[in-house]
Amino acid sequence: MKSPASPCNGVCRIHSVRGLCAGCWRSGEEIAAWPAMSDGAKRALLGALKKRRKG
């Protein structure tokens, strides 16, 4: 199975109150950790991001 692609869409602005990127909805910590995350952890985070967007 192919490794999940980064959810980054080039809109890289961390919201001052939420602490999440306005483009991909990840925290700064999640963005920094992405390259070292396992494929399973990436998939889990992508699922969590879907829920955040619906929020």
Protein backbone atom coordinates (compact mmCIF):
# COMPACT_ATOMS: atom_id res chain seq x y z
CA MET A 1 0.00 0.00 0.00
CA LYS A 2 1.25 3.47 -0.89
CA SER A 3 2.21 5.93 1.85
CA PRO A 4 -0.47 8.60 2.38
CA ALA A 5 0.21 11.96 0.76
CA SER A 6 0.62 15.01 2.95
CA PRO A 7 -2.60 16.98 3.43
CA CYS A 8 -0.65 20.22 2.86
CA ASN A 9 -2.29 22.33 0.17
CA GLY A 10 0.11 25.27 0.27
CA VAL A 11 -2.07 27.52 2.45
CA CYS A 12 0.36 27.60 5.36
CA ARG A 13 -0.99 29.92 8.06
CA ILE A 14 -1.36 28.90 11.70
CA HIS A 15 -4.54 30.40 13.17
CA SER A 16 -3.56 32.39 16.28
CA VAL A 17 -6.48 31.17 18.41
CA ARG A 18 -7.09 27.61 17.15
CA GLY A 19 -3.41 26.83 16.69
CA LEU A 20 -4.20 24.91 13.50
CA CYS A 21 -3.09 25.53 9.93
CA ALA A 22 -5.79 27.30 7.90
CA GLY A 23 -5.03 25.06 4.91
CA CYS A 24 -4.63 21.53 6.25
CA TRP A 25 -6.05 21.81 9.78
CA ARG A 26 -2.95 20.28 11.38
CA SER A 27 -1.21 21.67 14.44
CA GLY A 28 2.39 22.81 14.17
CA GLU A 29 3.43 19.68 16.05
CA GLU A 30 1.55 17.43 13.62
CA ILE A 31 3.07 19.23 10.63
CA ALA A 32 6.58 18.79 12.05
CA ALA A 33 5.98 15.12 12.93
CA TRP A 34 4.48 14.12 9.54
CA PRO A 35 7.71 13.01 7.80
CA ALA A 36 8.62 10.61 10.61
CA MET A 37 5.11 9.22 11.19
CA SER A 38 4.27 5.65 10.25
CA ASP A 39 1.77 5.12 7.45
CA GLY A 40 -0.80 3.97 10.00
CA ALA A 41 -0.32 7.12 12.08
CA LYS A 42 -0.63 9.26 8.93
CA ARG A 43 -3.91 7.55 8.02
CA ALA A 44 -5.22 8.04 11.55
CA LEU A 45 -4.33 11.73 11.43
CA LEU A 46 -5.98 12.14 8.03
CA GLY A 47 -9.16 10.65 9.53
CA ALA A 48 -8.95 13.05 12.47
CA LEU A 49 -8.50 15.99 10.08
CA LYS A 50 -11.77 15.11 8.33
CA LYS A 51 -13.56 15.31 11.68
CA ARG A 52 -11.87 18.62 12.53
CA ARG A 53 -13.03 20.19 9.28
CA LYS A 54 -16.62 19.15 9.96
CA GLY A 55 -16.21 20.27 13.55
